[in-house]
PDB file of N, CA and C in Angstrom:
ATOM      1  N   MET A   1       6.413   8.369  -3.852  1.00  0.00           N
ATOM      2  CA  MET A   1       6.946   7.343  -2.985  1.00  0.00           C
ATOM      3  C   MET A   1       6.695   5.977  -3.620  1.00  0.00           C
ATOM      4  N   ARG A   2       7.637   5.085  -3.471  1.00  0.00           N
ATOM      5  CA  ARG A   2       7.490   3.717  -3.977  1.00  0.00           C
ATOM      6  C   ARG A   2       6.347   2.999  -3.267  1.00  0.00           C
ATOM      7  N   LEU A   3       5.675   2.125  -3.994  1.00  0.00           N
ATOM      8  CA  LEU A   3       4.540   1.394  -3.451  1.00  0.00           C
ATOM      9  C   LEU A   3       4.931   0.550  -2.242  1.00  0.00           C
ATOM     10  N   ASP A   4       6.029  -0.195  -2.339  1.00  0.00           N
ATOM     11  CA  ASP A   4       6.414  -1.058  -1.215  1.00  0.00           C
ATOM     12  C   ASP A   4       6.717  -0.241   0.041  1.00  0.00           C
ATOM     13  N   LYS A   5       7.350   0.912  -0.126  1.00  0.00           N
ATOM     14  CA  LYS A   5       7.649   1.757   1.032  1.00  0.00           C
ATOM     15  C   LYS A   5       6.369   2.348   1.609  1.00  0.00           C
ATOM     16  N   TYR A   6       5.438   2.754   0.750  1.00  0.00           N
ATOM     17  CA  TYR A   6       4.169   3.299   1.235  1.00  0.00           C
ATOM     18  C   TYR A   6       3.409   2.258   2.053  1.00  0.00           C
ATOM     19  N   LEU A   7       3.359   1.023   1.560  1.00  0.00           N
ATOM     20  CA  LEU A   7       2.643  -0.036   2.276  1.00  0.00           C
ATOM     21  C   LEU A   7       3.237  -0.261   3.660  1.00  0.00           C
ATOM     22  N   LYS A   8       4.563  -0.149   3.781  1.00  0.00           N
ATOM     23  CA  LYS A   8       5.224  -0.315   5.075  1.00  0.00           C
ATOM     24  C   LYS A   8       4.986   0.888   5.981  1.00  0.00           C
ATOM     25  N   VAL A   9       5.204   2.099   5.472  1.00  0.00           N
ATOM     26  CA  VAL A   9       5.059   3.301   6.292  1.00  0.00           C
ATOM     27  C   VAL A   9       3.620   3.465   6.791  1.00  0.00           C
ATOM     28  N   SER A  10       2.642   3.161   5.927  1.00  0.00           N
ATOM     29  CA  SER A  10       1.238   3.289   6.310  1.00  0.00           C
ATOM     30  C   SER A  10       0.776   2.112   7.162  1.00  0.00           C
ATOM     31  N   ARG A  11       1.609   1.108   7.267  1.00  0.00           N
ATOM     32  CA  ARG A  11       1.340  -0.105   8.032  1.00  0.00           C
ATOM     33  C   ARG A  11       0.179  -0.927   7.489  1.00  0.00           C
ATOM     34  N   LEU A  12      -0.073  -0.818   6.179  1.00  0.00           N
ATOM     35  CA  LEU A  12      -1.009  -1.742   5.537  1.00  0.00           C
ATOM     36  C   LEU A  12      -0.377  -3.128   5.488  1.00  0.00           C
ATOM     37  N   ILE A  13       0.947  -3.176   5.319  1.00  0.00           N
ATOM     38  CA  ILE A  13       1.739  -4.408   5.406  1.00  0.00           C
ATOM     39  C   ILE A  13       2.893  -4.114   6.359  1.00  0.00           C
ATOM     40  N   LYS A  14       3.192  -5.041   7.248  1.00  0.00           N
ATOM     41  CA  LYS A  14       4.134  -4.773   8.337  1.00  0.00           C
ATOM     42  C   LYS A  14       5.586  -4.548   7.902  1.00  0.00           C
ATOM     43  N   ARG A  15       6.059  -5.339   6.935  1.00  0.00           N
ATOM     44  CA  ARG A  15       7.473  -5.232   6.538  1.00  0.00           C
ATOM     45  C   ARG A  15       7.597  -4.939   5.057  1.00  0.00           C
ATOM     46  N   ARG A  16       8.644  -4.199   4.714  1.00  0.00           N
ATOM     47  CA  ARG A  16       8.840  -3.815   3.315  1.00  0.00           C
ATOM     48  C   ARG A  16       9.148  -5.035   2.455  1.00  0.00           C
ATOM     49  N   THR A  17       9.875  -6.011   2.991  1.00  0.00           N
ATOM     50  CA  THR A  17      10.175  -7.199   2.198  1.00  0.00           C
ATOM     51  C   THR A  17       8.898  -7.985   1.891  1.00  0.00           C
ATOM     52  N   VAL A  18       7.983  -8.033   2.843  1.00  0.00           N
ATOM     53  CA  VAL A  18       6.706  -8.718   2.619  1.00  0.00           C
ATOM     54  C   VAL A  18       5.893  -7.951   1.576  1.00  0.00           C
ATOM     55  N   ALA A  19       5.918  -6.624   1.634  1.00  0.00           N
ATOM     56  CA  ALA A  19       5.226  -5.797   0.642  1.00  0.00           C
ATOM     57  C   ALA A  19       5.818  -6.031  -0.741  1.00  0.00           C
ATOM     58  N   ASN A  20       7.142  -6.117  -0.804  1.00  0.00           N
ATOM     59  CA  ASN A  20       7.839  -6.366  -2.057  1.00  0.00           C
ATOM     60  C   ASN A  20       7.423  -7.721  -2.644  1.00  0.00           C
ATOM     61  N   GLU A  21       7.374  -8.752  -1.803  1.00  0.00           N
ATOM     62  CA  GLU A  21       6.990 -10.096  -2.254  1.00  0.00           C
ATOM     63  C   GLU A  21       5.533 -10.124  -2.729  1.00  0.00           C
ATOM     64  N   ALA A  22       4.654  -9.404  -2.037  1.00  0.00           N
ATOM     65  CA  ALA A  22       3.243  -9.354  -2.444  1.00  0.00           C
ATOM     66  C   ALA A  22       3.109  -8.704  -3.818  1.00  0.00           C
ATOM     67  N   CYS A  23       3.888  -7.655  -4.052  1.00  0.00           N
ATOM     68  CA  CYS A  23       3.858  -6.989  -5.363  1.00  0.00           C
ATOM     69  C   CYS A  23       4.394  -7.911  -6.448  1.00  0.00           C
ATOM     70  N   ASP A  24       5.494  -8.604  -6.165  1.00  0.00           N
ATOM     71  CA  ASP A  24       6.088  -9.518  -7.143  1.00  0.00           C
ATOM     72  C   ASP A  24       5.142 -10.663  -7.490  1.00  0.00           C
ATOM     73  N   ALA A  25       4.317 -11.081  -6.522  1.00  0.00           N
ATOM     74  CA  ALA A  25       3.382 -12.182  -6.748  1.00  0.00           C
ATOM     75  C   ALA A  25       2.115 -11.718  -7.462  1.00  0.00           C
ATOM     76  N   GLY A  26       1.978 -10.411  -7.700  1.00  0.00           N
ATOM     77  CA  GLY A  26       0.812  -9.892  -8.399  1.00  0.00           C
ATOM     78  C   GLY A  26      -0.417  -9.749  -7.525  1.00  0.00           C
ATOM     79  N   ARG A  27      -0.241  -9.680  -6.202  1.00  0.00           N
ATOM     80  CA  ARG A  27      -1.372  -9.583  -5.280  1.00  0.00           C
ATOM     81  C   ARG A  27      -1.743  -8.144  -4.935  1.00  0.00           C
ATOM     82  N   VAL A  28      -0.995  -7.172  -5.474  1.00  0.00           N
ATOM     83  CA  VAL A  28      -1.277  -5.765  -5.186  1.00  0.00           C
ATOM     84  C   VAL A  28      -1.629  -5.045  -6.487  1.00  0.00           C
ATOM     85  N   THR A  29      -2.735  -4.296  -6.460  1.00  0.00           N
ATOM     86  CA  THR A  29      -3.109  -3.491  -7.621  1.00  0.00           C
ATOM     87  C   THR A  29      -3.249  -2.032  -7.199  1.00  0.00           C
ATOM     88  N   VAL A  30      -2.906  -1.142  -8.129  1.00  0.00           N
ATOM     89  CA  VAL A  30      -3.096   0.291  -7.925  1.00  0.00           C
ATOM     90  C   VAL A  30      -3.973   0.775  -9.068  1.00  0.00           C
ATOM     91  N   ASN A  31      -5.103   1.360  -8.724  1.00  0.00           N
ATOM     92  CA  ASN A  31      -6.076   1.823  -9.725  1.00  0.00           C
ATOM     93  C   ASN A  31      -6.455   0.701 -10.693  1.00  0.00           C
ATOM     94  N   ASP A  32      -6.700  -0.495 -10.154  1.00  0.00           N
ATOM     95  CA  ASP A  32      -7.143  -1.674 -10.906  1.00  0.00           C
ATOM     96  C   ASP A  32      -6.115  -2.205 -11.894  1.00  0.00           C
ATOM     97  N   LYS A  33      -4.838  -1.901 -11.703  1.00  0.00           N
ATOM     98  CA  LYS A  33      -3.763  -2.453 -12.537  1.00  0.00           C
ATOM     99  C   LYS A  33      -2.739  -3.110 -11.624  1.00  0.00           C
ATOM    100  N   VAL A  34      -2.275  -4.307 -11.999  1.00  0.00           N
ATOM    101  CA  VAL A  34      -1.257  -4.993 -11.213  1.00  0.00           C
ATOM    102  C   VAL A  34      -0.034  -4.095 -11.113  1.00  0.00           C
ATOM    103  N   ALA A  35       0.478  -3.949  -9.892  1.00  0.00           N
ATOM    104  CA  ALA A  35       1.554  -2.983  -9.653  1.00  0.00           C
ATOM    105  C   ALA A  35       2.839  -3.661  -9.219  1.00  0.00           C
ATOM    106  N   LYS A  36       3.958  -3.092  -9.665  1.00  0.00           N
ATOM    107  CA  LYS A  36       5.268  -3.521  -9.197  1.00  0.00           C
ATOM    108  C   LYS A  36       5.607  -2.741  -7.938  1.00  0.00           C
ATOM    109  N   ALA A  37       6.557  -3.246  -7.168  1.00  0.00           N
ATOM    110  CA  ALA A  37       6.959  -2.600  -5.921  1.00  0.00           C
ATOM    111  C   ALA A  37       7.530  -1.206  -6.164  1.00  0.00           C
ATOM    112  N   SER A  38       8.100  -0.969  -7.334  1.00  0.00           N
ATOM    113  CA  SER A  38       8.751   0.301  -7.619  1.00  0.00           C
ATOM    114  C   SER A  38       7.791   1.365  -8.157  1.00  0.00           C
ATOM    115  N   GLN A  39       6.513   1.024  -8.337  1.00  0.00           N
ATOM    116  CA  GLN A  39       5.559   1.997  -8.869  1.00  0.00           C
ATOM    117  C   GLN A  39       5.382   3.158  -7.905  1.00  0.00           C
ATOM    118  N   GLU A  40       5.294   4.362  -8.457  1.00  0.00           N
ATOM    119  CA  GLU A  40       5.082   5.559  -7.643  1.00  0.00           C
ATOM    120  C   GLU A  40       3.614   5.643  -7.218  1.00  0.00           C
ATOM    121  N   VAL A  41       3.395   5.997  -5.950  1.00  0.00           N
ATOM    122  CA  VAL A  41       2.050   6.144  -5.407  1.00  0.00           C
ATOM    123  C   VAL A  41       1.789   7.633  -5.179  1.00  0.00           C
ATOM    124  N   LYS A  42       0.579   8.093  -5.545  1.00  0.00           N
ATOM    125  CA  LYS A  42       0.208   9.492  -5.332  1.00  0.00           C
ATOM    126  C   LYS A  42      -1.099   9.553  -4.545  1.00  0.00           C
ATOM    127  N   VAL A  43      -1.368  10.722  -3.995  1.00  0.00           N
ATOM    128  CA  VAL A  43      -2.617  10.933  -3.258  1.00  0.00           C
ATOM    129  C   VAL A  43      -3.790  10.707  -4.212  1.00  0.00           C
ATOM    130  N   GLY A  44      -4.781   9.961  -3.750  1.00  0.00           N
ATOM    131  CA  GLY A  44      -5.958   9.665  -4.561  1.00  0.00           C
ATOM    132  C   GLY A  44      -5.923   8.290  -5.202  1.00  0.00           C
ATOM    133  N   ASP A  45      -4.773   7.626  -5.208  1.00  0.00           N
ATOM    134  CA  ASP A  45      -4.677   6.281  -5.782  1.00  0.00           C
ATOM    135  C   ASP A  45      -5.467   5.286  -4.933  1.00  0.00           C
ATOM    136  N   MET A  46      -6.029   4.278  -5.589  1.00  0.00           N
ATOM    137  CA  MET A  46      -6.740   3.201  -4.912  1.00  0.00           C
ATOM    138  C   MET A  46      -5.851   1.951  -4.925  1.00  0.00           C
ATOM    139  N   ILE A  47      -5.545   1.436  -3.751  1.00  0.00           N
ATOM    140  CA  ILE A  47      -4.694   0.253  -3.614  1.00  0.00           C
ATOM    141  C   ILE A  47      -5.555  -0.914  -3.154  1.00  0.00           C
ATOM    142  N   ALA A  48      -5.409  -2.062  -3.808  1.00  0.00           N
ATOM    143  CA  ALA A  48      -6.104  -3.285  -3.405  1.00  0.00           C
ATOM    144  C   ALA A  48      -5.062  -4.367  -3.164  1.00  0.00           C
ATOM    145  N   ILE A  49      -5.144  -5.025  -2.002  1.00  0.00           N
ATOM    146  CA  ILE A  49      -4.195  -6.088  -1.638  1.00  0.00           C
ATOM    147  C   ILE A  49      -4.992  -7.353  -1.364  1.00  0.00           C
ATOM    148  N   ARG A  50      -4.616  -8.446  -2.043  1.00  0.00           N
ATOM    149  CA  ARG A  50      -5.279  -9.734  -1.829  1.00  0.00           C
ATOM    150  C   ARG A  50      -4.511 -10.540  -0.790  1.00  0.00           C
ATOM    151  N   PHE A  51      -5.207 -10.911   0.297  1.00  0.00           N
ATOM    152  CA  PHE A  51      -4.662 -11.802   1.325  1.00  0.00           C
ATOM    153  C   PHE A  51      -5.499 -13.071   1.282  1.00  0.00           C
ATOM    154  N   GLY A  52      -5.020 -14.079   0.557  1.00  0.00           N
ATOM    155  CA  GLY A  52      -5.807 -15.304   0.412  1.00  0.00           C
ATOM    156  C   GLY A  52      -7.100 -15.016  -0.330  1.00  0.00           C
ATOM    157  N   ASP A  53      -8.248 -15.285   0.317  1.00  0.00           N
ATOM    158  CA  ASP A  53      -9.533 -15.023  -0.333  1.00  0.00           C
ATOM    159  C   ASP A  53     -10.124 -13.668   0.072  1.00  0.00           C
ATOM    160  N   LYS A  54      -9.381 -12.903   0.863  1.00  0.00           N
ATOM    161  CA  LYS A  54      -9.850 -11.591   1.318  1.00  0.00           C
ATOM    162  C   LYS A  54      -9.097 -10.484   0.584  1.00  0.00           C
ATOM    163  N   THR A  55      -9.797  -9.418   0.238  1.00  0.00           N
ATOM    164  CA  THR A  55      -9.179  -8.276  -0.432  1.00  0.00           C
ATOM    165  C   THR A  55      -9.376  -7.025   0.405  1.00  0.00           C
ATOM    166  N   VAL A  56      -8.277  -6.307   0.630  1.00  0.00           N
ATOM    167  CA  VAL A  56      -8.319  -5.043   1.367  1.00  0.00           C
ATOM    168  C   VAL A  56      -8.139  -3.915   0.365  1.00  0.00           C
ATOM    169  N   LYS A  57      -9.080  -2.960   0.369  1.00  0.00           N
ATOM    170  CA  LYS A  57      -8.995  -1.810  -0.538  1.00  0.00           C
ATOM    171  C   LYS A  57      -8.818  -0.554   0.297  1.00  0.00           C
ATOM    172  N   ALA A  58      -7.897   0.314  -0.156  1.00  0.00           N
ATOM    173  CA  ALA A  58      -7.637   1.557   0.566  1.00  0.00           C
ATOM    174  C   ALA A  58      -7.338   2.672  -0.421  1.00  0.00           C
ATOM    175  N   GLU A  59      -7.739   3.882  -0.050  1.00  0.00           N
ATOM    176  CA  GLU A  59      -7.451   5.070  -0.850  1.00  0.00           C
ATOM    177  C   GLU A  59      -6.334   5.845  -0.169  1.00  0.00           C
ATOM    178  N   VAL A  60      -5.341   6.273  -0.936  1.00  0.00           N
ATOM    179  CA  VAL A  60      -4.212   7.030  -0.408  1.00  0.00           C
ATOM    180  C   VAL A  60      -4.679   8.450  -0.099  1.00  0.00           C
ATOM    181  N   LEU A  61      -4.528   8.864   1.170  1.00  0.00           N
ATOM    182  CA  LEU A  61      -4.925  10.211   1.579  1.00  0.00           C
ATOM    183  C   LEU A  61      -3.731  11.148   1.726  1.00  0.00           C
ATOM    184  N   SER A  62      -2.591  10.595   2.164  1.00  0.00           N
ATOM    185  CA  SER A  62      -1.387  11.417   2.305  1.00  0.00           C
ATOM    186  C   SER A  62      -0.158  10.533   2.171  1.00  0.00           C
ATOM    187  N   ILE A  63       0.975  11.203   1.921  1.00  0.00           N
ATOM    188  CA  ILE A  63       2.240  10.497   1.762  1.00  0.00           C
ATOM    189  C   ILE A  63       3.266  11.172   2.656  1.00  0.00           C
ATOM    190  N   ALA A  64       3.984  10.366   3.449  1.00  0.00           N
ATOM    191  CA  ALA A  64       5.037  10.893   4.317  1.00  0.00           C
ATOM    192  C   ALA A  64       6.154   9.861   4.406  1.00  0.00           C
ATOM    193  N   GLU A  65       7.387  10.336   4.473  1.00  0.00           N
ATOM    194  CA  GLU A  65       8.534   9.426   4.537  1.00  0.00           C
ATOM    195  C   GLU A  65       8.552   8.635   5.845  1.00  0.00           C
ATOM    196  N   THR A  66       8.262   9.311   6.940  1.00  0.00           N
ATOM    197  CA  THR A  66       8.192   8.647   8.238  1.00  0.00           C
ATOM    198  C   THR A  66       6.952   9.143   8.959  1.00  0.00           C
ATOM    199  N   VAL A  67       6.377   8.277   9.751  1.00  0.00           N
ATOM    200  CA  VAL A  67       5.158   8.647  10.481  1.00  0.00           C
ATOM    201  C   VAL A  67       5.084   7.792  11.745  1.00  0.00           C
ATOM    202  N   ARG A  68       4.533   8.369  12.809  1.00  0.00           N
ATOM    203  CA  ARG A  68       4.377   7.603  14.049  1.00  0.00           C
ATOM    204  C   ARG A  68       3.256   6.584  13.893  1.00  0.00           C
ATOM    205  N   LYS A  69       3.333   5.537  14.692  1.00  0.00           N
ATOM    206  CA  LYS A  69       2.374   4.437  14.608  1.00  0.00           C
ATOM    207  C   LYS A  69       0.930   4.925  14.728  1.00  0.00           C
ATOM    208  N   GLU A  70       0.681   5.865  15.633  1.00  0.00           N
ATOM    209  CA  GLU A  70      -0.675   6.353  15.865  1.00  0.00           C
ATOM    210  C   GLU A  70      -1.201   7.136  14.653  1.00  0.00           C
ATOM    211  N   GLU A  71      -0.311   7.780  13.904  1.00  0.00           N
ATOM    212  CA  GLU A  71      -0.723   8.609  12.781  1.00  0.00           C
ATOM    213  C   GLU A  71      -0.765   7.841  11.457  1.00  0.00           C
ATOM    214  N   ALA A  72      -0.278   6.612  11.439  1.00  0.00           N
ATOM    215  CA  ALA A  72      -0.200   5.833  10.197  1.00  0.00           C
ATOM    216  C   ALA A  72      -1.575   5.590   9.593  1.00  0.00           C
ATOM    217  N   LYS A  73      -2.581   5.379  10.429  1.00  0.00           N
ATOM    218  CA  LYS A  73      -3.929   5.097   9.909  1.00  0.00           C
ATOM    219  C   LYS A  73      -4.565   6.305   9.237  1.00  0.00           C
ATOM    220  N   GLU A  74      -3.983   7.500   9.404  1.00  0.00           N
ATOM    221  CA  GLU A  74      -4.500   8.702   8.756  1.00  0.00           C
ATOM    222  C   GLU A  74      -3.964   8.854   7.329  1.00  0.00           C
ATOM    223  N   MET A  75      -3.048   7.963   6.914  1.00  0.00           N
ATOM    224  CA  MET A  75      -2.465   8.033   5.577  1.00  0.00           C
ATOM    225  C   MET A  75      -3.378   7.411   4.519  1.00  0.00           C
ATOM    226  N   PHE A  76      -4.382   6.632   4.950  1.00  0.00           N
ATOM    227  CA  PHE A  76      -5.260   5.961   4.002  1.00  0.00           C
ATOM    228  C   PHE A  76      -6.652   5.839   4.581  1.00  0.00           C
ATOM    229  N   ARG A  77      -7.618   5.506   3.698  1.00  0.00           N
ATOM    230  CA  ARG A  77      -8.990   5.272   4.117  1.00  0.00           C
ATOM    231  C   ARG A  77      -9.445   3.967   3.482  1.00  0.00           C
ATOM    232  N   TYR A  78      -9.973   3.065   4.314  1.00  0.00           N
ATOM    233  CA  TYR A  78     -10.502   1.804   3.773  1.00  0.00           C
ATOM    234  C   TYR A  78     -11.728   2.072   2.913  1.00  0.00           C
ATOM    235  N   CYS A  79     -11.860   1.315   1.837  1.00  0.00           N
ATOM    236  CA  CYS A  79     -12.997   1.472   0.942  1.00  0.00           C
ATOM    237  C   CYS A  79     -13.862   0.221   0.942  1.00  0.00           C
TER     238      CYS A  79
END
């Protein structure tokens, strides 16, 4: 699954366009490497997103094309 779509489906970022812009600005890393929005995400990857001076780190636990809001938090684990 594409990184921008994963960020939206898992609700780490609310909108796909915002996820896309964050990737383009270099604020998202996957496994400690700056990632483009089109990068493929797999189970076990570590995603870090910089929001200003705060950084959110999460590990990918599962991947699904669509998921209900209540189940979205089960797609990742904060680190």
